[in-house]
N, C-alpha and C. Protein backbone atom coordinates (compact mmCIF):
# COMPACT_ATOMS: atom_id res chain seq x y z
N UNK A 1 -87.99 65.15 -78.21
CA UNK A 1 -87.05 65.30 -77.58
C UNK A 1 -86.24 66.44 -77.42
N UNK A 2 -85.99 67.33 -76.41
CA UNK A 2 -85.27 68.37 -76.80
C UNK A 2 -83.96 68.04 -75.65
N UNK A 3 -82.52 67.50 -76.12
CA UNK A 3 -81.98 67.02 -75.31
C UNK A 3 -80.86 68.21 -75.25
N UNK A 4 -79.88 68.58 -74.06
CA UNK A 4 -78.83 69.13 -74.29
C UNK A 4 -77.94 68.84 -73.29
N UNK A 5 -76.83 69.44 -73.78
CA UNK A 5 -75.17 69.38 -73.13
C UNK A 5 -75.01 70.19 -72.66
N UNK A 6 -74.95 70.19 -71.00
CA UNK A 6 -74.20 71.35 -70.71
C UNK A 6 -72.79 70.96 -69.78
N UNK A 7 -72.15 72.40 -69.23
CA UNK A 7 -71.39 72.23 -68.33
C UNK A 7 -71.65 73.15 -67.38
N UNK A 8 -71.85 72.62 -66.11
CA UNK A 8 -71.91 73.11 -64.58
C UNK A 8 -70.74 74.04 -64.26
N UNK A 9 -71.28 75.15 -63.60
CA UNK A 9 -69.78 76.02 -62.61
C UNK A 9 -69.14 75.14 -61.99
N UNK A 10 -69.44 73.62 -61.51
CA UNK A 10 -68.68 73.18 -60.72
C UNK A 10 -67.92 72.21 -61.34
N UNK A 11 -68.15 72.11 -62.90
CA UNK A 11 -67.12 71.29 -63.93
C UNK A 11 -67.78 70.33 -64.33
N UNK A 12 -68.45 69.73 -63.98
CA UNK A 12 -69.47 68.23 -64.10
C UNK A 12 -70.15 68.99 -65.46
N UNK A 13 -70.40 67.97 -66.02
CA UNK A 13 -70.85 68.07 -67.57
C UNK A 13 -72.19 66.72 -67.70
N UNK A 14 -73.24 67.79 -68.09
CA UNK A 14 -74.62 66.70 -68.05
C UNK A 14 -75.30 66.66 -69.43
N UNK A 15 -75.87 65.62 -69.83
CA UNK A 15 -76.80 65.57 -71.05
C UNK A 15 -78.07 65.56 -70.38
N UNK A 16 -79.09 65.70 -70.85
CA UNK A 16 -80.46 65.45 -70.30
C UNK A 16 -81.20 66.00 -71.19
N UNK A 17 -82.69 65.53 -70.83
CA UNK A 17 -83.88 65.80 -71.98
C UNK A 17 -84.33 67.33 -70.67
N UNK A 18 -84.42 68.22 -71.90
CA UNK A 18 -85.16 69.77 -70.93
C UNK A 18 -86.32 69.36 -71.17
N UNK A 19 -87.11 69.40 -70.05
CA UNK A 19 -88.66 69.31 -70.38
C UNK A 19 -89.36 70.77 -70.40
N UNK A 20 -88.42 71.95 -69.43
CA UNK A 20 -89.00 73.36 -69.71
C UNK A 20 -87.87 74.25 -68.92
N UNK A 21 -88.09 75.51 -69.17
CA UNK A 21 -87.06 75.99 -68.78
C UNK A 21 -87.45 77.38 -68.65
N UNK A 22 -87.40 78.06 -67.16
CA UNK A 22 -88.04 79.34 -67.08
C UNK A 22 -86.86 80.73 -66.99
N UNK A 23 -86.56 81.04 -68.70
CA UNK A 23 -85.53 82.44 -68.58
C UNK A 23 -86.13 83.00 -68.80
N UNK A 24 -86.88 83.90 -68.48
CA UNK A 24 -87.45 84.99 -69.37
C UNK A 24 -86.55 86.35 -68.98
N UNK A 25 -85.41 86.15 -67.88
CA UNK A 25 -84.53 87.83 -67.95
C UNK A 25 -85.07 88.49 -66.80
N UNK A 26 -85.90 88.25 -66.37
CA UNK A 26 -86.59 89.15 -65.20
C UNK A 26 -86.12 88.94 -63.34
N UNK A 27 -86.24 87.88 -63.20
CA UNK A 27 -85.49 87.26 -62.33
C UNK A 27 -84.69 86.77 -62.29
N UNK A 28 -83.59 86.15 -61.57
CA UNK A 28 -82.27 85.10 -61.75
C UNK A 28 -82.79 84.42 -60.79
N UNK A 29 -83.61 84.49 -59.70
CA UNK A 29 -83.99 83.56 -58.50
C UNK A 29 -85.38 82.55 -59.58
N UNK A 30 -85.76 82.73 -60.69
CA UNK A 30 -86.73 82.23 -60.98
C UNK A 30 -85.78 81.56 -62.39
N UNK A 31 -84.52 81.42 -62.92
CA UNK A 31 -84.27 80.59 -63.06
C UNK A 31 -83.99 79.45 -63.49
N UNK A 32 -84.85 78.63 -63.48
CA UNK A 32 -85.01 77.29 -63.26
C UNK A 32 -85.19 76.63 -64.53
N UNK A 33 -84.97 75.04 -64.48
CA UNK A 33 -84.89 74.28 -65.53
C UNK A 33 -85.65 73.27 -65.07
N UNK A 34 -86.44 72.34 -65.70
CA UNK A 34 -86.77 71.34 -65.13
C UNK A 34 -86.50 70.25 -66.71
N UNK A 35 -85.48 69.20 -65.73
CA UNK A 35 -84.79 68.05 -66.66
C UNK A 35 -85.53 67.10 -66.17
N UNK A 36 -85.35 65.83 -66.96
CA UNK A 36 -85.09 64.57 -66.60
C UNK A 36 -84.08 63.52 -67.65
N UNK A 37 -83.98 62.15 -66.89
CA UNK A 37 -82.66 61.48 -67.83
C UNK A 37 -81.61 62.04 -67.97
N UNK A 38 -81.41 62.88 -66.80
CA UNK A 38 -79.73 63.50 -66.73
C UNK A 38 -79.01 62.58 -66.63
N UNK A 39 -77.27 62.36 -66.84
CA UNK A 39 -76.32 61.91 -67.24
C UNK A 39 -75.23 62.91 -67.13
N UNK A 40 -74.38 62.33 -66.71
CA UNK A 40 -73.48 62.83 -66.38
C UNK A 40 -72.10 62.18 -67.03
N UNK A 41 -71.53 63.00 -68.09
CA UNK A 41 -70.42 62.72 -69.16
C UNK A 41 -68.69 62.74 -68.31
N UNK A 42 -68.36 61.79 -68.54
CA UNK A 42 -67.17 61.77 -67.69
C UNK A 42 -66.08 60.55 -68.93
N UNK A 43 -64.84 61.28 -68.66
CA UNK A 43 -63.86 60.61 -68.93
C UNK A 43 -62.55 60.28 -68.13
N UNK A 44 -61.66 58.89 -68.85
CA UNK A 44 -60.93 58.62 -68.09
C UNK A 44 -59.80 58.08 -69.11
N UNK A 45 -58.38 58.69 -68.49
CA UNK A 45 -57.34 58.64 -70.18
C UNK A 45 -56.27 57.56 -69.28
N UNK A 46 -56.23 56.41 -70.19
CA UNK A 46 -55.56 55.32 -70.05
C UNK A 46 -53.96 55.63 -70.69
N UNK A 47 -53.20 56.65 -70.02
CA UNK A 47 -51.29 57.03 -70.51
C UNK A 47 -50.92 56.17 -71.73
N UNK A 48 -50.80 54.96 -70.63
CA UNK A 48 -49.86 54.06 -71.52
C UNK A 48 -50.59 53.44 -72.36
N UNK A 49 -51.65 53.47 -72.83
CA UNK A 49 -52.61 52.87 -73.57
C UNK A 49 -52.63 53.91 -74.94
N UNK A 50 -52.65 55.14 -74.38
CA UNK A 50 -53.09 56.20 -75.38
C UNK A 50 -54.50 56.32 -75.72
N UNK A 51 -55.00 55.72 -74.73
CA UNK A 51 -56.73 56.02 -74.87
C UNK A 51 -57.52 56.07 -73.88
N UNK A 52 -58.57 57.37 -74.23
CA UNK A 52 -59.78 58.05 -73.44
C UNK A 52 -61.09 57.40 -73.55
N UNK A 53 -61.77 56.78 -72.39
CA UNK A 53 -62.73 56.36 -72.15
C UNK A 53 -63.70 57.03 -71.80
N UNK A 54 -65.02 57.50 -72.64
CA UNK A 54 -65.59 58.04 -72.34
C UNK A 54 -67.08 57.61 -71.19
N UNK A 55 -67.30 58.01 -70.70
CA UNK A 55 -68.72 56.94 -69.73
C UNK A 55 -70.02 58.15 -69.52
N UNK A 56 -70.93 57.02 -69.05
CA UNK A 56 -72.10 57.89 -68.67
C UNK A 56 -72.49 57.36 -67.35
N UNK A 57 -72.62 58.34 -66.54
CA UNK A 57 -73.34 57.96 -65.24
C UNK A 57 -74.88 58.72 -64.66
N UNK A 58 -75.51 57.73 -63.88
CA UNK A 58 -76.44 58.82 -63.29
C UNK A 58 -76.11 60.10 -62.68
N UNK A 59 -76.76 61.15 -63.24
CA UNK A 59 -76.13 62.82 -61.93
C UNK A 59 -76.93 62.47 -61.14
N UNK A 60 -77.90 61.96 -60.62
CA UNK A 60 -78.12 61.55 -59.04
C UNK A 60 -78.65 59.90 -59.23
N UNK A 61 -78.51 59.60 -57.90
CA UNK A 61 -78.68 57.76 -57.66
C UNK A 61 -79.96 58.00 -57.69
N UNK A 62 -80.88 56.93 -58.08
CA UNK A 62 -82.27 56.70 -58.25
C UNK A 62 -82.76 57.54 -58.35
N UNK A 63 -82.47 58.92 -59.17
CA UNK A 63 -83.03 59.71 -60.20
C UNK A 63 -83.38 59.43 -61.68
N UNK A 64 -83.55 58.57 -62.11
CA UNK A 64 -83.02 58.30 -63.26
C UNK A 64 -84.04 58.73 -64.62
N UNK A 65 -85.73 58.54 -64.01
CA UNK A 65 -86.17 58.54 -65.03
C UNK A 65 -87.75 59.93 -64.37
N UNK A 66 -86.89 60.35 -63.25
CA UNK A 66 -87.59 61.33 -62.47
C UNK A 66 -87.26 62.77 -63.11
N UNK A 67 -88.37 63.97 -62.81
CA UNK A 67 -88.03 65.11 -62.95
C UNK A 67 -87.30 66.07 -61.84
N UNK A 68 -86.34 66.61 -62.43
CA UNK A 68 -85.13 67.36 -61.45
C UNK A 68 -85.58 68.85 -61.79
N UNK A 69 -85.31 69.70 -61.01
CA UNK A 69 -85.27 71.14 -61.22
C UNK A 69 -83.54 71.28 -61.09
N UNK A 70 -83.12 72.00 -62.01
CA UNK A 70 -81.86 72.59 -61.94
C UNK A 70 -82.01 74.18 -61.89
N UNK A 71 -81.01 74.58 -60.82
CA UNK A 71 -80.68 76.35 -60.99
C UNK A 71 -79.63 76.46 -62.35
N UNK A 72 -80.41 77.40 -63.34
CA UNK A 72 -79.97 77.59 -64.75
C UNK A 72 -79.11 78.72 -64.39
N UNK A 73 -78.98 79.19 -63.09
CA UNK A 73 -78.07 80.00 -62.85
C UNK A 73 -76.50 79.04 -62.50
N UNK A 74 -76.57 78.06 -62.82
CA UNK A 74 -75.10 77.24 -62.19
C UNK A 74 -74.81 76.30 -64.04
N UNK A 75 -75.08 77.10 -64.64
CA UNK A 75 -75.06 76.51 -66.03
C UNK A 75 -74.07 77.57 -66.80
N UNK A 76 -72.64 77.12 -66.99
CA UNK A 76 -71.88 78.28 -67.92
C UNK A 76 -72.05 78.07 -69.48
N UNK A 77 -72.20 76.53 -69.74
CA UNK A 77 -72.39 76.31 -71.48
C UNK A 77 -73.57 75.79 -71.40
N UNK A 78 -74.38 75.75 -72.85
CA UNK A 78 -74.92 74.82 -73.20
C UNK A 78 -74.70 74.62 -74.80
N UNK A 79 -75.08 73.37 -75.08
CA UNK A 79 -75.01 73.16 -76.65
C UNK A 79 -75.78 71.78 -77.05
N UNK A 80 -76.03 71.42 -78.16
CA UNK A 80 -76.81 70.78 -78.55
C UNK A 80 -75.82 69.32 -78.71
N UNK A 81 -76.35 68.17 -77.90
CA UNK A 81 -75.34 67.01 -77.91
C UNK A 81 -75.16 66.51 -79.47
N UNK A 82 -73.93 66.21 -79.83
CA UNK A 82 -74.20 65.14 -81.19
C UNK A 82 -74.95 64.22 -81.20
N UNK A 83 -75.17 64.01 -82.06
CA UNK A 83 -75.85 62.87 -82.78
C UNK A 83 -76.02 61.56 -81.72
N UNK A 84 -75.00 61.21 -82.49
CA UNK A 84 -74.47 59.73 -81.73
C UNK A 84 -74.57 59.65 -80.47
N UNK A 85 -74.41 60.90 -79.57
CA UNK A 85 -74.41 60.95 -78.07
C UNK A 85 -75.98 60.32 -77.67
């Protein structure tokens, strides 16, 4: 499986399986990515306890196992997630 971690221009951070990516560089309008099992990565800081909690939540409600089309122009960074994730 091809999992990627992505930072979107909206500030959201995703971890998802990339099924396919149409990035031929010819047309920005065709820069789409088919993904599934998308989860948004979030965190909460407890300043009093000096602890940071990381959480995963579905990127879209009721779409956890469905294929989603993501506009590749909305991605600012892509990385391979740490194996522990």
